[in-house]
Amino acid sequence: MKVGNTANRGYLLALTAGILWSTLGVLGKISFKYGADPLTVVTLRAIIAFITLFIILIIVNREFFKIKRKDLLFFVLFGLVGVTLIYSSYFHTIKLTSVSTAVLLLYTYPAFVIVFSAYFFHEKINTIKIFALLFIFLGCFLITNAYNFKSLKLNYAGILCGITAALTVAIYNIFGKKALQNYNSQTVVFYAFGFGALFLLFIRDPRFILKINLSLNVWIIILILAWIPTLLAYFLYISSLKYIEVGRASIVSTIEPVVASLLAYIFLKETMSYVQIIGTFLILISVIAIGFSQIRSNPD
């Protein structure tokens, strides 16, 4: 793989974003052990990510703040769907069901992305993508122990929230690809987090900031969450959409549950069964297949 190949660069950006997102679970669980409220954590990480990028852009290039007036509503909807609804719907899915059910429902999103991208961007739905989707879903099914019905907690409200989470992630992908046609990655991520954080404050109630009483350990974790798997990961992923199809990027980013399982095994001492290891390999095969098909279709 040559660095000069822009398509391969996009593949690497999406892959790196997925790896960074995988740290969310471990960091989140550690913060919860210290008594942090999940909705407080997701709200603070969005606010901190927005403020951090605001400071960076003031220093680097203030031109990145400029958007056309006619695109303001687009970015409002982007932040509402791409940040607020994703965070809140996934949070409520976990609350109403179980982590296994939430993960399984969330990772149906590449299927939605591929259908939407075929309609909006005329991306082809080929055999490799279809098999990759099947392997990803089966891999997540095995990794989350969904075959053991005791690990699942199904109810209509929880399923609805889970499907909503998957749809909003898919829409975030489509919005991101669309925004890049007129703006750079910094601008897209800045306004997504800006409006997303604003709407999260309405859900959480802005007065909660005055009552925050978190330990130093929790603040350190929240800062890491805001800077690494949130701000940096989102920036890398949005940047990847400049170089590769949004459908391919969504499939590549599903490396997240694989790395998350490995991190949980290393840092949280969670065991991995043989079935989960098989699920891990199925997802890896899907990601590698998409990567190699990208390389073959874009030779130097």
C-alpha atoms as a PDB file:
ATOM      1  CA  MET A   1       0.000   0.000   0.000  1.00  0.00           C
ATOM      2  CA  LYS A   2       1.548   3.315  -1.075  1.00  0.00           C
ATOM      3  CA  VAL A   3       0.937   6.369   1.065  1.00  0.00           C
ATOM      4  CA  GLY A   4       0.368   8.435  -2.050  1.00  0.00           C
ATOM      5  CA  ASN A   5      -2.799   6.561  -2.905  1.00  0.00           C
ATOM      6  CA  THR A   6      -5.598   8.796  -1.591  1.00  0.00           C
ATOM      7  CA  ALA A   7      -8.132   5.955  -1.451  1.00  0.00           C
ATOM      8  CA  ASN A   8      -5.829   3.912   0.753  1.00  0.00           C
ATOM      9  CA  ARG A   9      -5.318   6.993   2.918  1.00  0.00           C
ATOM     10  CA  GLY A  10      -9.084   7.154   3.417  1.00  0.00           C
ATOM     11  CA  TYR A  11      -9.161   3.497   4.358  1.00  0.00           C
ATOM     12  CA  LEU A  12      -6.456   4.053   6.994  1.00  0.00           C
ATOM     13  CA  LEU A  13      -8.246   7.118   8.386  1.00  0.00           C
ATOM     14  CA  ALA A  14     -11.521   5.202   8.812  1.00  0.00           C
ATOM     15  CA  LEU A  15      -9.687   2.251  10.348  1.00  0.00           C
ATOM     16  CA  THR A  16      -7.875   4.517  12.828  1.00  0.00           C
ATOM     17  CA  ALA A  17     -11.151   6.222  13.743  1.00  0.00           C
ATOM     18  CA  GLY A  18     -12.726   2.841  14.473  1.00  0.00           C
ATOM     19  CA  ILE A  19      -9.780   1.862  16.685  1.00  0.00           C
ATOM     20  CA  LEU A  20     -10.043   5.143  18.615  1.00  0.00           C
ATOM     21  CA  TRP A  21     -13.813   4.707  19.058  1.00  0.00           C
ATOM     22  CA  SER A  22     -13.145   1.310  20.611  1.00  0.00           C
ATOM     23  CA  THR A  23     -11.712   3.004  23.710  1.00  0.00           C
ATOM     24  CA  LEU A  24     -15.119   4.506  24.537  1.00  0.00           C
ATOM     25  CA  GLY A  25     -16.379   1.362  26.259  1.00  0.00           C
ATOM     26  CA  VAL A  26     -13.373   0.869  28.538  1.00  0.00           C
ATOM     27  CA  LEU A  27     -13.069   4.549  29.442  1.00  0.00           C
ATOM     28  CA  GLY A  28     -16.815   4.823  29.973  1.00  0.00           C
ATOM     29  CA  LYS A  29     -16.943   1.813  32.289  1.00  0.00           C
ATOM     30  CA  ILE A  30     -14.036   3.146  34.331  1.00  0.00           C
ATOM     31  CA  SER A  31     -15.761   6.528  34.725  1.00  0.00           C
ATOM     32  CA  PHE A  32     -19.009   4.825  35.768  1.00  0.00           C
ATOM     33  CA  LYS A  33     -17.116   2.900  38.449  1.00  0.00           C
ATOM     34  CA  TYR A  34     -16.116   6.271  39.900  1.00  0.00           C
ATOM     35  CA  GLY A  35     -19.804   7.218  40.084  1.00  0.00           C
ATOM     36  CA  ALA A  36     -20.180   9.295  36.925  1.00  0.00           C
ATOM     37  CA  ASP A  37     -23.611   9.489  35.305  1.00  0.00           C
ATOM     38  CA  PRO A  38     -23.566   8.220  31.671  1.00  0.00           C
ATOM     39  CA  LEU A  39     -25.624  11.100  30.256  1.00  0.00           C
ATOM     40  CA  THR A  40     -23.439  13.624  32.096  1.00  0.00           C
ATOM     41  CA  VAL A  41     -20.324  12.021  30.614  1.00  0.00           C
ATOM     42  CA  VAL A  42     -21.596  12.097  27.014  1.00  0.00           C
ATOM     43  CA  THR A  43     -22.781  15.708  27.400  1.00  0.00           C
ATOM     44  CA  LEU A  44     -19.477  16.889  28.855  1.00  0.00           C
ATOM     45  CA  ARG A  45     -17.416  15.086  26.208  1.00  0.00           C
ATOM     46  CA  ALA A  46     -19.383  16.828  23.447  1.00  0.00           C
ATOM     47  CA  ILE A  47     -19.027  20.247  25.111  1.00  0.00           C
ATOM     48  CA  ILE A  48     -15.291  19.815  25.748  1.00  0.00           C
ATOM     49  CA  ALA A  49     -14.694  18.547  22.209  1.00  0.00           C
ATOM     50  CA  PHE A  50     -16.488  21.608  20.802  1.00  0.00           C
ATOM     51  CA  ILE A  51     -14.613  24.096  23.022  1.00  0.00           C
ATOM     52  CA  THR A  52     -11.274  22.437  22.239  1.00  0.00           C
ATOM     53  CA  LEU A  53     -11.829  22.619  18.491  1.00  0.00           C
ATOM     54  CA  PHE A  54     -13.045  26.225  18.838  1.00  0.00           C
ATOM     55  CA  ILE A  55      -9.743  27.198  20.489  1.00  0.00           C
ATOM     56  CA  ILE A  56      -7.698  25.265  17.913  1.00  0.00           C
ATOM     57  CA  LEU A  57      -9.446  26.943  14.977  1.00  0.00           C
ATOM     58  CA  ILE A  58      -8.987  30.417  16.481  1.00  0.00           C
ATOM     59  CA  ILE A  59      -5.257  29.742  16.615  1.00  0.00           C
ATOM     60  CA  VAL A  60      -4.883  27.857  13.314  1.00  0.00           C
ATOM     61  CA  ASN A  61      -7.311  29.462  10.870  1.00  0.00           C
ATOM     62  CA  ARG A  62     -10.456  31.437  11.640  1.00  0.00           C
ATOM     63  CA  GLU A  63     -11.613  30.998   8.053  1.00  0.00           C
ATOM     64  CA  PHE A  64     -12.798  27.531   9.068  1.00  0.00           C
ATOM     65  CA  PHE A  65     -15.653  29.130  11.032  1.00  0.00           C
ATOM     66  CA  LYS A  66     -17.242  30.526   7.891  1.00  0.00           C
ATOM     67  CA  ILE A  67     -20.313  28.838   6.468  1.00  0.00           C
ATOM     68  CA  LYS A  68     -22.972  30.059   4.066  1.00  0.00           C
ATOM     69  CA  ARG A  69     -26.184  31.300   5.666  1.00  0.00           C
ATOM     70  CA  LYS A  70     -28.237  28.908   3.558  1.00  0.00           C
ATOM     71  CA  ASP A  71     -26.290  25.966   5.070  1.00  0.00           C
ATOM     72  CA  LEU A  72     -26.993  26.916   8.695  1.00  0.00           C
ATOM     73  CA  LEU A  73     -30.114  24.728   8.929  1.00  0.00           C
ATOM     74  CA  PHE A  74     -28.168  21.833   7.426  1.00  0.00           C
ATOM     75  CA  PHE A  75     -25.536  22.040  10.184  1.00  0.00           C
ATOM     76  CA  VAL A  76     -28.220  22.414  12.871  1.00  0.00           C
ATOM     77  CA  LEU A  77     -29.793  19.161  11.659  1.00  0.00           C
ATOM     78  CA  PHE A  78     -26.341  17.580  11.323  1.00  0.00           C
ATOM     79  CA  GLY A  79     -25.557  18.333  14.973  1.00  0.00           C
ATOM     80  CA  LEU A  80     -29.012  17.229  16.131  1.00  0.00           C
ATOM     81  CA  VAL A  81     -28.901  13.919  14.272  1.00  0.00           C
ATOM     82  CA  GLY A  82     -25.156  13.267  14.125  1.00  0.00           C
ATOM     83  CA  VAL A  83     -24.366  13.947  17.777  1.00  0.00           C
ATOM     84  CA  THR A  84     -27.417  14.506  20.000  1.00  0.00           C
ATOM     85  CA  LEU A  85     -29.681  11.741  18.699  1.00  0.00           C
ATOM     86  CA  ILE A  86     -26.834   9.227  18.364  1.00  0.00           C
ATOM     87  CA  TYR A  87     -25.651   9.794  21.937  1.00  0.00           C
ATOM     88  CA  SER A  88     -29.114   9.949  23.523  1.00  0.00           C
ATOM     89  CA  SER A  89     -30.698   7.058  21.581  1.00  0.00           C
ATOM     90  CA  TYR A  90     -27.743   4.743  22.244  1.00  0.00           C
ATOM     91  CA  PHE A  91     -27.750   5.729  25.921  1.00  0.00           C
ATOM     92  CA  HIS A  92     -31.467   4.918  26.195  1.00  0.00           C
ATOM     93  CA  THR A  93     -30.994   1.633  24.307  1.00  0.00           C
ATOM     94  CA  ILE A  94     -28.490   0.492  26.927  1.00  0.00           C
ATOM     95  CA  LYS A  95     -30.805   1.731  29.683  1.00  0.00           C
ATOM     96  CA  LEU A  96     -33.870  -0.081  28.295  1.00  0.00           C
ATOM     97  CA  THR A  97     -32.184  -3.272  27.100  1.00  0.00           C
ATOM     98  CA  SER A  98     -28.637  -4.500  27.631  1.00  0.00           C
ATOM     99  CA  VAL A  99     -25.176  -3.679  26.307  1.00  0.00           C
ATOM    100  CA  SER A 100     -25.267  -6.766  24.056  1.00  0.00           C
ATOM    101  CA  THR A 101     -28.599  -5.776  22.531  1.00  0.00           C
ATOM    102  CA  ALA A 102     -27.491  -2.145  22.108  1.00  0.00           C
ATOM    103  CA  VAL A 103     -24.268  -3.107  20.296  1.00  0.00           C
ATOM    104  CA  LEU A 104     -26.052  -5.602  18.064  1.00  0.00           C
ATOM    105  CA  LEU A 105     -28.704  -3.067  17.046  1.00  0.00           C
ATOM    106  CA  LEU A 106     -26.184  -0.240  16.575  1.00  0.00           C
ATOM    107  CA  TYR A 107     -24.012  -2.264  14.206  1.00  0.00           C
ATOM    108  CA  THR A 108     -26.810  -2.664  11.723  1.00  0.00           C
ATOM    109  CA  TYR A 109     -25.884   0.897  10.675  1.00  0.00           C
ATOM    110  CA  PRO A 110     -23.469  -0.080   7.835  1.00  0.00           C
ATOM    111  CA  ALA A 111     -26.434  -1.702   6.078  1.00  0.00           C
ATOM    112  CA  PHE A 112     -28.380   1.571   6.251  1.00  0.00           C
ATOM    113  CA  VAL A 113     -25.304   3.504   5.107  1.00  0.00           C
ATOM    114  CA  ILE A 114     -24.843   1.308   2.054  1.00  0.00           C
ATOM    115  CA  VAL A 115     -28.519   1.660   1.055  1.00  0.00           C
ATOM    116  CA  PHE A 116     -28.543   5.432   1.633  1.00  0.00           C
ATOM    117  CA  SER A 117     -25.204   5.955  -0.156  1.00  0.00           C
ATOM    118  CA  ALA A 118     -26.455   3.994  -3.162  1.00  0.00           C
ATOM    119  CA  TYR A 119     -29.437   6.346  -3.381  1.00  0.00           C
ATOM    120  CA  PHE A 120     -27.728   9.681  -2.633  1.00  0.00           C
ATOM    121  CA  PHE A 121     -24.226   9.122  -4.055  1.00  0.00           C
ATOM    122  CA  HIS A 122     -24.839   6.287  -6.531  1.00  0.00           C
ATOM    123  CA  GLU A 123     -22.327   4.012  -4.791  1.00  0.00           C
ATOM    124  CA  LYS A 124     -22.517   0.436  -6.030  1.00  0.00           C
ATOM    125  CA  ILE A 125     -23.859  -2.345  -3.804  1.00  0.00           C
ATOM    126  CA  ASN A 126     -21.536  -5.197  -4.761  1.00  0.00           C
ATOM    127  CA  THR A 127     -21.051  -8.753  -3.534  1.00  0.00           C
ATOM    128  CA  ILE A 128     -18.104  -7.891  -1.282  1.00  0.00           C
ATOM    129  CA  LYS A 129     -20.154  -5.266   0.569  1.00  0.00           C
ATOM    130  CA  ILE A 130     -23.074  -7.646   1.071  1.00  0.00           C
ATOM    131  CA  PHE A 131     -20.891 -10.444   2.434  1.00  0.00           C
ATOM    132  CA  ALA A 132     -18.990  -7.950   4.594  1.00  0.00           C
ATOM    133  CA  LEU A 133     -22.288  -6.804   6.121  1.00  0.00           C
ATOM    134  CA  LEU A 134     -23.355 -10.378   6.840  1.00  0.00           C
ATOM    135  CA  PHE A 135     -20.001 -11.211   8.447  1.00  0.00           C
ATOM    136  CA  ILE A 136     -20.085  -8.022  10.539  1.00  0.00           C
ATOM    137  CA  PHE A 137     -23.570  -8.704  11.869  1.00  0.00           C
ATOM    138  CA  LEU A 138     -22.716 -12.337  12.588  1.00  0.00           C
ATOM    139  CA  GLY A 139     -19.449 -11.262  14.219  1.00  0.00           C
ATOM    140  CA  CYS A 140     -21.252  -8.771  16.476  1.00  0.00           C
ATOM    141  CA  PHE A 141     -23.847 -11.447  17.247  1.00  0.00           C
ATOM    142  CA  LEU A 142     -21.083 -13.748  18.499  1.00  0.00           C
ATOM    143  CA  ILE A 143     -18.967 -11.082  20.247  1.00  0.00           C
ATOM    144  CA  THR A 144     -21.946  -9.814  22.270  1.00  0.00           C
ATOM    145  CA  ASN A 145     -23.104 -13.353  23.192  1.00  0.00           C
ATOM    146  CA  ALA A 146     -26.455 -12.546  21.601  1.00  0.00           C
ATOM    147  CA  TYR A 147     -26.984 -16.260  20.960  1.00  0.00           C
ATOM    148  CA  ASN A 148     -27.419 -16.558  24.735  1.00  0.00           C
ATOM    149  CA  PHE A 149     -30.885 -15.064  25.164  1.00  0.00           C
ATOM    150  CA  LYS A 150     -30.157 -14.305  28.824  1.00  0.00           C
ATOM    151  CA  SER A 151     -27.714 -11.623  27.647  1.00  0.00           C
ATOM    152  CA  LEU A 152     -30.476  -9.971  25.606  1.00  0.00           C
ATOM    153  CA  LYS A 153     -33.230  -7.849  27.090  1.00  0.00           C
ATOM    154  CA  LEU A 154     -35.751  -7.219  24.361  1.00  0.00           C
ATOM    155  CA  ASN A 155     -38.633  -4.758  24.481  1.00  0.00           C
ATOM    156  CA  TYR A 156     -40.287  -2.582  21.866  1.00  0.00           C
ATOM    157  CA  ALA A 157     -39.032   0.719  23.287  1.00  0.00           C
ATOM    158  CA  GLY A 158     -35.454  -0.560  23.551  1.00  0.00           C
ATOM    159  CA  ILE A 159     -35.491  -1.992  20.019  1.00  0.00           C
ATOM    160  CA  LEU A 160     -36.918   1.282  18.677  1.00  0.00           C
ATOM    161  CA  CYS A 161     -34.142   3.267  20.385  1.00  0.00           C
ATOM    162  CA  GLY A 162     -31.503   0.853  19.061  1.00  0.00           C
ATOM    163  CA  ILE A 163     -32.737   1.115  15.477  1.00  0.00           C
ATOM    164  CA  THR A 164     -32.906   4.892  15.903  1.00  0.00           C
ATOM    165  CA  ALA A 165     -29.254   4.872  17.015  1.00  0.00           C
ATOM    166  CA  ALA A 166     -28.271   2.860  13.925  1.00  0.00           C
ATOM    167  CA  LEU A 167     -30.265   5.139  11.615  1.00  0.00           C
ATOM    168  CA  THR A 168     -28.776   8.298  13.111  1.00  0.00           C
ATOM    169  CA  VAL A 169     -25.235   6.944  12.711  1.00  0.00           C
ATOM    170  CA  ALA A 170     -26.067   6.173   9.080  1.00  0.00           C
ATOM    171  CA  ILE A 171     -27.513   9.657   8.541  1.00  0.00           C
ATOM    172  CA  TYR A 172     -24.410  11.161  10.181  1.00  0.00           C
ATOM    173  CA  ASN A 173     -22.335   9.382   7.524  1.00  0.00           C
ATOM    174  CA  ILE A 174     -24.487  10.722   4.701  1.00  0.00           C
ATOM    175  CA  PHE A 175     -24.557  14.255   6.129  1.00  0.00           C
ATOM    176  CA  GLY A 176     -20.780  14.155   6.588  1.00  0.00           C
ATOM    177  CA  LYS A 177     -20.165  13.103   3.005  1.00  0.00           C
ATOM    178  CA  LYS A 178     -22.572  15.774   1.757  1.00  0.00           C
ATOM    179  CA  ALA A 179     -20.973  18.528   3.879  1.00  0.00           C
ATOM    180  CA  LEU A 180     -17.503  17.724   2.532  1.00  0.00           C
ATOM    181  CA  GLN A 181     -18.635  18.739  -0.930  1.00  0.00           C
ATOM    182  CA  ASN A 182     -18.494  22.396   0.183  1.00  0.00           C
ATOM    183  CA  TYR A 183     -16.524  22.501   3.444  1.00  0.00           C
ATOM    184  CA  ASN A 184     -13.368  21.066   4.987  1.00  0.00           C
ATOM    185  CA  SER A 185     -13.297  18.471   7.790  1.00  0.00           C
ATOM    186  CA  GLN A 186     -12.536  21.008  10.548  1.00  0.00           C
ATOM    187  CA  THR A 187     -15.605  23.084   9.726  1.00  0.00           C
ATOM    188  CA  VAL A 188     -17.872  20.041   9.471  1.00  0.00           C
ATOM    189  CA  VAL A 189     -16.794  18.580  12.823  1.00  0.00           C
ATOM    190  CA  PHE A 190     -16.871  21.987  14.557  1.00  0.00           C
ATOM    191  CA  TYR A 191     -20.509  22.714  13.712  1.00  0.00           C
ATOM    192  CA  ALA A 192     -21.610  19.109  14.257  1.00  0.00           C
ATOM    193  CA  PHE A 193     -20.283  19.179  17.817  1.00  0.00           C
ATOM    194  CA  GLY A 194     -21.389  22.765  18.404  1.00  0.00           C
ATOM    195  CA  PHE A 195     -25.049  22.154  17.670  1.00  0.00           C
ATOM    196  CA  GLY A 196     -24.879  18.598  19.033  1.00  0.00           C
ATOM    197  CA  ALA A 197     -23.580  19.819  22.401  1.00  0.00           C
ATOM    198  CA  LEU A 198     -26.230  22.560  22.459  1.00  0.00           C
ATOM    199  CA  PHE A 199     -29.078  20.080  22.001  1.00  0.00           C
ATOM    200  CA  LEU A 200     -27.551  17.706  24.573  1.00  0.00           C
ATOM    201  CA  LEU A 201     -27.618  20.558  27.088  1.00  0.00           C
ATOM    202  CA  PHE A 202     -31.354  20.931  26.516  1.00  0.00           C
ATOM    203  CA  ILE A 203     -31.846  17.205  27.146  1.00  0.00           C
ATOM    204  CA  ARG A 204     -29.586  17.148  30.191  1.00  0.00           C
ATOM    205  CA  ASP A 205     -30.767  20.556  31.542  1.00  0.00           C
ATOM    206  CA  PRO A 206     -28.064  23.273  31.457  1.00  0.00           C
ATOM    207  CA  ARG A 207     -28.340  23.746  35.233  1.00  0.00           C
ATOM    208  CA  PHE A 208     -26.614  20.374  35.757  1.00  0.00           C
ATOM    209  CA  ILE A 209     -23.259  22.096  35.049  1.00  0.00           C
ATOM    210  CA  LEU A 210     -23.659  24.112  38.261  1.00  0.00           C
ATOM    211  CA  LYS A 211     -24.147  20.906  40.230  1.00  0.00           C
ATOM    212  CA  ILE A 212     -21.247  18.908  38.787  1.00  0.00           C
ATOM    213  CA  ASN A 213     -19.143  17.349  41.516  1.00  0.00           C
ATOM    214  CA  LEU A 214     -16.791  14.880  39.868  1.00  0.00           C
ATOM    215  CA  SER A 215     -13.512  13.512  41.145  1.00  0.00           C
ATOM    216  CA  LEU A 216     -10.204  14.357  39.454  1.00  0.00           C
ATOM    217  CA  ASN A 217     -10.020  10.811  38.058  1.00  0.00           C
ATOM    218  CA  VAL A 218     -13.380  11.214  36.339  1.00  0.00           C
ATOM    219  CA  TRP A 219     -12.407  14.592  34.858  1.00  0.00           C
ATOM    220  CA  ILE A 220      -9.213  13.088  33.439  1.00  0.00           C
ATOM    221  CA  ILE A 221     -11.221  10.275  31.850  1.00  0.00           C
ATOM    222  CA  ILE A 222     -13.787  12.730  30.426  1.00  0.00           C
ATOM    223  CA  LEU A 223     -11.000  14.844  28.922  1.00  0.00           C
ATOM    224  CA  ILE A 224      -9.474  11.751  27.296  1.00  0.00           C
ATOM    225  CA  LEU A 225     -12.941  10.747  26.031  1.00  0.00           C
ATOM    226  CA  ALA A 226     -13.495  14.220  24.571  1.00  0.00           C
ATOM    227  CA  TRP A 227     -10.111  14.539  22.889  1.00  0.00           C
ATOM    228  CA  ILE A 228      -9.311  11.016  21.637  1.00  0.00           C
ATOM    229  CA  PRO A 229     -12.352   8.819  20.795  1.00  0.00           C
ATOM    230  CA  THR A 230     -14.593  11.859  20.242  1.00  0.00           C
ATOM    231  CA  LEU A 231     -12.853  14.852  18.646  1.00  0.00           C
ATOM    232  CA  LEU A 232      -9.898  13.087  16.993  1.00  0.00           C
ATOM    233  CA  ALA A 233     -11.865  10.003  15.937  1.00  0.00           C
ATOM    234  CA  TYR A 234     -14.719  12.018  14.426  1.00  0.00           C
ATOM    235  CA  PHE A 235     -12.252  14.265  12.598  1.00  0.00           C
ATOM    236  CA  LEU A 236     -10.368  11.275  11.152  1.00  0.00           C
ATOM    237  CA  TYR A 237     -13.584   9.558  10.110  1.00  0.00           C
ATOM    238  CA  ILE A 238     -15.058  12.643   8.441  1.00  0.00           C
ATOM    239  CA  SER A 239     -11.695  13.155   6.693  1.00  0.00           C
ATOM    240  CA  SER A 240     -11.802   9.564   5.393  1.00  0.00           C
ATOM    241  CA  LEU A 241     -15.032  10.353   3.533  1.00  0.00           C
ATOM    242  CA  LYS A 242     -13.084  12.681   1.241  1.00  0.00           C
ATOM    243  CA  TYR A 243     -11.138   9.721  -0.123  1.00  0.00           C
ATOM    244  CA  ILE A 244     -13.382   6.641  -0.061  1.00  0.00           C
ATOM    245  CA  GLU A 245     -17.016   5.687  -0.444  1.00  0.00           C
ATOM    246  CA  VAL A 246     -19.101   6.286   2.656  1.00  0.00           C
ATOM    247  CA  GLY A 247     -20.309   2.662   2.511  1.00  0.00           C
ATOM    248  CA  ARG A 248     -16.751   1.345   2.637  1.00  0.00           C
ATOM    249  CA  ALA A 249     -15.824   3.730   5.455  1.00  0.00           C
ATOM    250  CA  SER A 250     -18.759   2.532   7.570  1.00  0.00           C
ATOM    251  CA  ILE A 251     -17.740  -1.106   7.131  1.00  0.00           C
ATOM    252  CA  VAL A 252     -14.077  -0.421   7.922  1.00  0.00           C
ATOM    253  CA  SER A 253     -15.001   1.448  11.125  1.00  0.00           C
ATOM    254  CA  THR A 254     -16.716  -1.678  12.467  1.00  0.00           C
ATOM    255  CA  ILE A 255     -13.277  -2.715  13.665  1.00  0.00           C
ATOM    256  CA  GLU A 256     -14.456  -0.888  16.812  1.00  0.00           C
ATOM    257  CA  PRO A 257     -16.149  -3.837  18.638  1.00  0.00           C
ATOM    258  CA  VAL A 258     -13.160  -6.077  17.871  1.00  0.00           C
ATOM    259  CA  VAL A 259     -10.641  -3.728  19.458  1.00  0.00           C
ATOM    260  CA  ALA A 260     -13.109  -2.879  22.246  1.00  0.00           C
ATOM    261  CA  SER A 261     -13.313  -6.565  23.198  1.00  0.00           C
ATOM    262  CA  LEU A 262      -9.524  -6.835  23.249  1.00  0.00           C
ATOM    263  CA  LEU A 263      -9.213  -3.712  25.404  1.00  0.00           C
ATOM    264  CA  ALA A 264     -11.857  -5.008  27.810  1.00  0.00           C
ATOM    265  CA  TYR A 265      -9.904  -8.274  28.038  1.00  0.00           C
ATOM    266  CA  ILE A 266      -6.651  -6.429  28.755  1.00  0.00           C
ATOM    267  CA  PHE A 267      -7.798  -3.612  31.051  1.00  0.00           C
ATOM    268  CA  LEU A 268     -11.073  -4.816  32.562  1.00  0.00           C
ATOM    269  CA  LYS A 269     -10.093  -8.490  32.843  1.00  0.00           C
ATOM    270  CA  GLU A 270     -13.171  -9.529  30.869  1.00  0.00           C
ATOM    271  CA  THR A 271     -12.816 -13.006  29.401  1.00  0.00           C
ATOM    272  CA  MET A 272     -13.234 -13.870  25.730  1.00  0.00           C
ATOM    273  CA  SER A 273     -14.822 -17.169  24.774  1.00  0.00           C
ATOM    274  CA  TYR A 274     -13.939 -19.158  21.682  1.00  0.00           C
ATOM    275  CA  VAL A 275     -17.222 -18.020  20.129  1.00  0.00           C
ATOM    276  CA  GLN A 276     -16.299 -14.359  20.697  1.00  0.00           C
ATOM    277  CA  ILE A 277     -12.891 -14.959  19.129  1.00  0.00           C
ATOM    278  CA  ILE A 278     -14.623 -16.412  16.055  1.00  0.00           C
ATOM    279  CA  GLY A 279     -16.836 -13.311  15.920  1.00  0.00           C
ATOM    280  CA  THR A 280     -13.723 -11.146  16.107  1.00  0.00           C
ATOM    281  CA  PHE A 281     -12.164 -12.920  13.125  1.00  0.00           C
ATOM    282  CA  LEU A 282     -15.370 -12.574  11.080  1.00  0.00           C
ATOM    283  CA  ILE A 283     -15.301  -8.790  11.492  1.00  0.00           C
ATOM    284  CA  LEU A 284     -11.573  -8.670  10.752  1.00  0.00           C
ATOM    285  CA  ILE A 285     -12.136 -10.654   7.563  1.00  0.00           C
ATOM    286  CA  SER A 286     -14.820  -8.141   6.505  1.00  0.00           C
ATOM    287  CA  VAL A 287     -12.577  -5.143   7.136  1.00  0.00           C
ATOM    288  CA  ILE A 288      -9.604  -6.731   5.348  1.00  0.00           C
ATOM    289  CA  ALA A 289     -11.792  -7.756   2.388  1.00  0.00           C
ATOM    290  CA  ILE A 290     -13.081  -4.193   1.981  1.00  0.00           C
ATOM    291  CA  GLY A 291      -9.522  -2.873   2.273  1.00  0.00           C
ATOM    292  CA  PHE A 292      -8.091  -5.198  -0.362  1.00  0.00           C
ATOM    293  CA  SER A 293     -10.999  -4.590  -2.728  1.00  0.00           C
ATOM    294  CA  GLN A 294     -10.323  -0.840  -2.327  1.00  0.00           C
ATOM    295  CA  ILE A 295      -6.644  -1.318  -3.173  1.00  0.00           C
ATOM    296  CA  ARG A 296      -7.440  -3.466  -6.212  1.00  0.00           C
ATOM    297  CA  SER A 297      -9.976  -0.948  -7.503  1.00  0.00           C
ATOM    298  CA  ASN A 298      -7.480   1.940  -7.053  1.00  0.00           C
ATOM    299  CA  PRO A 299      -4.095   0.701  -8.248  1.00  0.00           C
ATOM    300  CA  ASP A 300      -1.193   3.176  -8.417  1.00  0.00           C
END
